[in-house]
């Protein structure tokens, strides 16, 4: 047997070619941006049924810097397990994006929802890079009052509309 192994590593775990999807990472997760004029109330109502399904999986649903829009009542009415909600209050936009990045890549969350004023091109690019290694679905709810054509182009708005027209925003998370 020693002659068959040669100089290859002796631990059997090193021989196996384990794809990253079997270790909990899921590829193809996207971070969806929703522009809102209602502080995210309408958008949050749209996704609350999907959050209910995700809360039954036992992983965290992370809410970062939510405004006071009655999200607790919306979640309870949708049947979300309240013991699976993790609430994060960030002091500024930098900390908000850092918390979102960590929650998306930790492997303990099924969904991460962040409320923010606006994202510049650098922040948008940072989230695109995070999406490549994300293990959870991410949603950024941006305030429309801060987005007076600052960085949203027509193509960006069309991508957002197509993302909202899908049957579920969390299709890649299992």
C-alpha atoms as a PDB file:
ATOM      1  CA  UNK A   1       0.000   0.000   0.000  1.00  0.00           C
ATOM      2  CA  UNK A   2       2.853   2.406   0.783  1.00  0.00           C
ATOM      3  CA  UNK A   3       4.201   1.959  -2.720  1.00  0.00           C
ATOM      4  CA  UNK A   4       0.808   2.910  -4.195  1.00  0.00           C
ATOM      5  CA  UNK A   5       0.619   6.148  -2.214  1.00  0.00           C
ATOM      6  CA  UNK A   6       4.134   7.274  -3.078  1.00  0.00           C
ATOM      7  CA  UNK A   7       4.664  10.836  -1.899  1.00  0.00           C
ATOM      8  CA  UNK A   8       1.005  11.805  -1.836  1.00  0.00           C
ATOM      9  CA  UNK A   9      -0.461  13.152   1.400  1.00  0.00           C
ATOM     10  CA  UNK A  10      -1.383  10.392   3.808  1.00  0.00           C
ATOM     11  CA  UNK A  11      -4.569  11.904   5.277  1.00  0.00           C
ATOM     12  CA  UNK A  12      -7.682  10.603   3.424  1.00  0.00           C
ATOM     13  CA  UNK A  13      -9.448  13.952   3.792  1.00  0.00           C
ATOM     14  CA  UNK A  14      -6.812  15.554   1.595  1.00  0.00           C
ATOM     15  CA  UNK A  15      -7.430  13.084  -1.231  1.00  0.00           C
ATOM     16  CA  UNK A  16     -11.057  13.940  -1.675  1.00  0.00           C
ATOM     17  CA  UNK A  17     -12.100  16.638  -4.087  1.00  0.00           C
ATOM     18  CA  UNK A  18     -14.843  18.314  -2.078  1.00  0.00           C
ATOM     19  CA  UNK A  19     -16.689  21.013  -4.010  1.00  0.00           C
ATOM     20  CA  UNK A  20     -17.318  24.239  -2.108  1.00  0.00           C
ATOM     21  CA  UNK A  21     -21.107  23.841  -2.406  1.00  0.00           C
ATOM     22  CA  UNK A  22     -21.034  20.758  -0.198  1.00  0.00           C
ATOM     23  CA  UNK A  23     -19.323  22.707   2.557  1.00  0.00           C
ATOM     24  CA  UNK A  24     -22.183  25.176   2.939  1.00  0.00           C
ATOM     25  CA  UNK A  25     -21.169  27.819   0.459  1.00  0.00           C
ATOM     26  CA  UNK A  26     -23.683  28.496  -2.219  1.00  0.00           C
ATOM     27  CA  UNK A  27     -22.670  30.096  -5.448  1.00  0.00           C
ATOM     28  CA  UNK A  28     -24.742  32.532  -7.394  1.00  0.00           C
ATOM     29  CA  UNK A  29     -26.050  34.566  -4.455  1.00  0.00           C
ATOM     30  CA  UNK A  30     -26.865  38.085  -5.430  1.00  0.00           C
ATOM     31  CA  UNK A  31     -27.243  41.264  -3.494  1.00  0.00           C
ATOM     32  CA  UNK A  32     -30.435  42.949  -4.606  1.00  0.00           C
ATOM     33  CA  UNK A  33     -30.830  46.698  -4.280  1.00  0.00           C
ATOM     34  CA  UNK A  34     -34.316  48.088  -3.747  1.00  0.00           C
ATOM     35  CA  UNK A  35     -34.949  51.823  -3.909  1.00  0.00           C
ATOM     36  CA  UNK A  36     -37.751  52.907  -1.619  1.00  0.00           C
ATOM     37  CA  UNK A  37     -39.786  55.946  -0.761  1.00  0.00           C
ATOM     38  CA  UNK A  38     -41.507  54.271   2.221  1.00  0.00           C
ATOM     39  CA  UNK A  39     -38.368  53.547   4.293  1.00  0.00           C
ATOM     40  CA  UNK A  40     -38.612  49.962   3.018  1.00  0.00           C
ATOM     41  CA  UNK A  41     -42.084  49.195   4.399  1.00  0.00           C
ATOM     42  CA  UNK A  42     -43.518  48.076   1.029  1.00  0.00           C
ATOM     43  CA  UNK A  43     -40.383  46.151   0.077  1.00  0.00           C
ATOM     44  CA  UNK A  44     -40.204  44.469   3.476  1.00  0.00           C
ATOM     45  CA  UNK A  45     -43.855  43.422   3.170  1.00  0.00           C
ATOM     46  CA  UNK A  46     -43.060  41.841  -0.231  1.00  0.00           C
ATOM     47  CA  UNK A  47     -40.297  39.625   1.156  1.00  0.00           C
ATOM     48  CA  UNK A  48     -41.735  38.781   4.585  1.00  0.00           C
ATOM     49  CA  UNK A  49     -43.335  35.515   3.378  1.00  0.00           C
ATOM     50  CA  UNK A  50     -39.969  34.371   2.017  1.00  0.00           C
ATOM     51  CA  UNK A  51     -38.310  35.378   5.284  1.00  0.00           C
ATOM     52  CA  UNK A  52     -40.808  33.168   7.079  1.00  0.00           C
ATOM     53  CA  UNK A  53     -39.668  30.155   5.054  1.00  0.00           C
ATOM     54  CA  UNK A  54     -36.007  30.977   5.654  1.00  0.00           C
ATOM     55  CA  UNK A  55     -36.517  31.364   9.401  1.00  0.00           C
ATOM     56  CA  UNK A  56     -37.680  27.740   9.583  1.00  0.00           C
ATOM     57  CA  UNK A  57     -34.225  26.591   8.399  1.00  0.00           C
ATOM     58  CA  UNK A  58     -32.609  27.597  11.686  1.00  0.00           C
ATOM     59  CA  UNK A  59     -30.152  30.151  10.320  1.00  0.00           C
ATOM     60  CA  UNK A  60     -30.197  33.857  11.147  1.00  0.00           C
ATOM     61  CA  UNK A  61     -32.124  36.536   9.334  1.00  0.00           C
ATOM     62  CA  UNK A  62     -30.035  39.651   9.896  1.00  0.00           C
ATOM     63  CA  UNK A  63     -31.619  43.110   9.871  1.00  0.00           C
ATOM     64  CA  UNK A  64     -29.025  45.899   9.784  1.00  0.00           C
ATOM     65  CA  UNK A  65     -30.081  49.411  10.803  1.00  0.00           C
ATOM     66  CA  UNK A  66     -33.822  49.019  10.206  1.00  0.00           C
ATOM     67  CA  UNK A  67     -35.929  52.174  10.605  1.00  0.00           C
ATOM     68  CA  UNK A  68     -38.963  52.171  12.852  1.00  0.00           C
ATOM     69  CA  UNK A  69     -41.470  50.885  10.274  1.00  0.00           C
ATOM     70  CA  UNK A  70     -43.145  48.237  12.401  1.00  0.00           C
ATOM     71  CA  UNK A  71     -40.947  45.427  11.066  1.00  0.00           C
ATOM     72  CA  UNK A  72     -41.540  43.297  14.169  1.00  0.00           C
ATOM     73  CA  UNK A  73     -45.294  43.241  13.558  1.00  0.00           C
ATOM     74  CA  UNK A  74     -44.779  42.516   9.847  1.00  0.00           C
ATOM     75  CA  UNK A  75     -42.463  39.602  10.612  1.00  0.00           C
ATOM     76  CA  UNK A  76     -44.771  38.167  13.277  1.00  0.00           C
ATOM     77  CA  UNK A  77     -47.785  38.458  10.966  1.00  0.00           C
ATOM     78  CA  UNK A  78     -45.881  36.592   8.235  1.00  0.00           C
ATOM     79  CA  UNK A  79     -45.029  33.739  10.603  1.00  0.00           C
ATOM     80  CA  UNK A  80     -41.305  34.430  10.924  1.00  0.00           C
ATOM     81  CA  UNK A  81     -39.603  32.746  13.875  1.00  0.00           C
ATOM     82  CA  UNK A  82     -38.627  35.731  15.981  1.00  0.00           C
ATOM     83  CA  UNK A  83     -35.854  33.762  17.703  1.00  0.00           C
ATOM     84  CA  UNK A  84     -34.056  33.621  14.330  1.00  0.00           C
ATOM     85  CA  UNK A  85     -33.933  37.414  13.876  1.00  0.00           C
ATOM     86  CA  UNK A  86     -30.618  39.129  14.552  1.00  0.00           C
ATOM     87  CA  UNK A  87     -30.882  42.909  14.848  1.00  0.00           C
ATOM     88  CA  UNK A  88     -27.765  45.028  14.226  1.00  0.00           C
ATOM     89  CA  UNK A  89     -27.655  48.781  14.822  1.00  0.00           C
ATOM     90  CA  UNK A  90     -24.694  50.370  13.039  1.00  0.00           C
ATOM     91  CA  UNK A  91     -23.417  53.833  13.886  1.00  0.00           C
ATOM     92  CA  UNK A  92     -22.681  54.911  10.295  1.00  0.00           C
ATOM     93  CA  UNK A  93     -22.698  53.797   6.654  1.00  0.00           C
ATOM     94  CA  UNK A  94     -19.205  52.290   6.841  1.00  0.00           C
ATOM     95  CA  UNK A  95     -20.150  50.122   9.788  1.00  0.00           C
ATOM     96  CA  UNK A  96     -23.423  49.182   8.074  1.00  0.00           C
ATOM     97  CA  UNK A  97     -21.618  47.853   5.004  1.00  0.00           C
ATOM     98  CA  UNK A  98     -19.008  46.090   7.131  1.00  0.00           C
ATOM     99  CA  UNK A  99     -21.760  44.357   9.136  1.00  0.00           C
ATOM    100  CA  UNK A 100     -23.504  43.327   5.925  1.00  0.00           C
ATOM    101  CA  UNK A 101     -20.295  41.911   4.489  1.00  0.00           C
ATOM    102  CA  UNK A 102     -19.593  39.880   7.621  1.00  0.00           C
ATOM    103  CA  UNK A 103     -23.164  38.595   7.892  1.00  0.00           C
ATOM    104  CA  UNK A 104     -23.247  37.563   4.218  1.00  0.00           C
ATOM    105  CA  UNK A 105     -19.997  35.624   4.361  1.00  0.00           C
ATOM    106  CA  UNK A 106     -20.239  34.108   7.856  1.00  0.00           C
ATOM    107  CA  UNK A 107     -22.259  31.059   6.835  1.00  0.00           C
ATOM    108  CA  UNK A 108     -24.672  31.451   9.761  1.00  0.00           C
ATOM    109  CA  UNK A 109     -27.242  33.649   7.995  1.00  0.00           C
ATOM    110  CA  UNK A 110     -29.831  32.825   5.379  1.00  0.00           C
ATOM    111  CA  UNK A 111     -30.743  36.435   4.581  1.00  0.00           C
ATOM    112  CA  UNK A 112     -29.225  39.831   5.305  1.00  0.00           C
ATOM    113  CA  UNK A 113     -31.316  42.980   4.871  1.00  0.00           C
ATOM    114  CA  UNK A 114     -29.684  46.387   5.168  1.00  0.00           C
ATOM    115  CA  UNK A 115     -31.217  49.846   5.195  1.00  0.00           C
ATOM    116  CA  UNK A 116     -28.977  52.639   3.937  1.00  0.00           C
ATOM    117  CA  UNK A 117     -29.241  56.159   2.550  1.00  0.00           C
ATOM    118  CA  UNK A 118     -27.322  55.623  -0.664  1.00  0.00           C
ATOM    119  CA  UNK A 119     -24.431  53.675  -2.116  1.00  0.00           C
ATOM    120  CA  UNK A 120     -21.703  55.234  -4.201  1.00  0.00           C
ATOM    121  CA  UNK A 121     -19.862  53.400  -6.974  1.00  0.00           C
ATOM    122  CA  UNK A 122     -17.161  52.159  -4.576  1.00  0.00           C
ATOM    123  CA  UNK A 123     -19.711  50.707  -2.144  1.00  0.00           C
ATOM    124  CA  UNK A 124     -21.624  49.070  -4.986  1.00  0.00           C
ATOM    125  CA  UNK A 125     -18.426  47.461  -6.272  1.00  0.00           C
ATOM    126  CA  UNK A 126     -17.551  46.272  -2.778  1.00  0.00           C
ATOM    127  CA  UNK A 127     -20.925  44.552  -2.485  1.00  0.00           C
ATOM    128  CA  UNK A 128     -20.460  42.938  -5.907  1.00  0.00           C
ATOM    129  CA  UNK A 129     -17.200  41.435  -4.679  1.00  0.00           C
ATOM    130  CA  UNK A 130     -18.818  40.270  -1.442  1.00  0.00           C
ATOM    131  CA  UNK A 131     -21.621  38.615  -3.430  1.00  0.00           C
ATOM    132  CA  UNK A 132     -19.089  36.220  -4.956  1.00  0.00           C
ATOM    133  CA  UNK A 133     -18.346  34.670  -1.575  1.00  0.00           C
ATOM    134  CA  UNK A 134     -21.739  35.270   0.054  1.00  0.00           C
ATOM    135  CA  UNK A 135     -23.438  32.357   1.764  1.00  0.00           C
ATOM    136  CA  UNK A 136     -26.729  34.206   2.212  1.00  0.00           C
ATOM    137  CA  UNK A 137     -29.079  36.305   0.132  1.00  0.00           C
ATOM    138  CA  UNK A 138     -28.615  40.030   0.567  1.00  0.00           C
ATOM    139  CA  UNK A 139     -30.960  42.940   0.128  1.00  0.00           C
ATOM    140  CA  UNK A 140     -30.011  46.599   0.341  1.00  0.00           C
ATOM    141  CA  UNK A 141     -32.956  48.950   0.835  1.00  0.00           C
ATOM    142  CA  UNK A 142     -31.891  52.432  -0.233  1.00  0.00           C
ATOM    143  CA  UNK A 143     -33.766  55.608   0.543  1.00  0.00           C
ATOM    144  CA  UNK A 144     -35.049  57.192  -2.673  1.00  0.00           C
ATOM    145  CA  UNK A 145     -34.798  60.710  -1.269  1.00  0.00           C
ATOM    146  CA  UNK A 146     -31.001  60.380  -1.233  1.00  0.00           C
ATOM    147  CA  UNK A 147     -30.884  58.895  -4.747  1.00  0.00           C
ATOM    148  CA  UNK A 148     -31.637  61.865  -6.923  1.00  0.00           C
ATOM    149  CA  UNK A 149     -29.801  60.369  -9.900  1.00  0.00           C
ATOM    150  CA  UNK A 150     -26.601  60.169  -7.860  1.00  0.00           C
ATOM    151  CA  UNK A 151     -25.477  56.797  -9.138  1.00  0.00           C
ATOM    152  CA  UNK A 152     -28.509  54.964 -10.476  1.00  0.00           C
ATOM    153  CA  UNK A 153     -28.585  54.612 -14.210  1.00  0.00           C
ATOM    154  CA  UNK A 154     -31.387  53.263 -16.356  1.00  0.00           C
ATOM    155  CA  UNK A 155     -29.693  49.874 -16.634  1.00  0.00           C
ATOM    156  CA  UNK A 156     -29.372  49.637 -12.862  1.00  0.00           C
ATOM    157  CA  UNK A 157     -33.056  50.398 -12.441  1.00  0.00           C
ATOM    158  CA  UNK A 158     -33.939  47.773 -15.058  1.00  0.00           C
ATOM    159  CA  UNK A 159     -31.833  45.160 -13.215  1.00  0.00           C
ATOM    160  CA  UNK A 160     -33.660  46.006  -9.998  1.00  0.00           C
ATOM    161  CA  UNK A 161     -37.056  45.691 -11.693  1.00  0.00           C
ATOM    162  CA  UNK A 162     -36.151  42.293 -13.136  1.00  0.00           C
ATOM    163  CA  UNK A 163     -34.922  41.108  -9.741  1.00  0.00           C
ATOM    164  CA  UNK A 164     -38.224  42.111  -8.158  1.00  0.00           C
ATOM    165  CA  UNK A 165     -40.232  40.370 -10.842  1.00  0.00           C
ATOM    166  CA  UNK A 166     -38.743  36.991  -9.922  1.00  0.00           C
ATOM    167  CA  UNK A 167     -40.980  34.667  -7.948  1.00  0.00           C
ATOM    168  CA  UNK A 168     -38.535  34.747  -5.074  1.00  0.00           C
ATOM    169  CA  UNK A 169     -35.536  36.856  -4.181  1.00  0.00           C
ATOM    170  CA  UNK A 170     -34.067  34.018  -2.143  1.00  0.00           C
ATOM    171  CA  UNK A 171     -34.105  31.258  -4.743  1.00  0.00           C
ATOM    172  CA  UNK A 172     -30.401  30.452  -4.388  1.00  0.00           C
ATOM    173  CA  UNK A 173     -30.514  29.927  -0.616  1.00  0.00           C
ATOM    174  CA  UNK A 174     -31.319  26.434   0.622  1.00  0.00           C
END
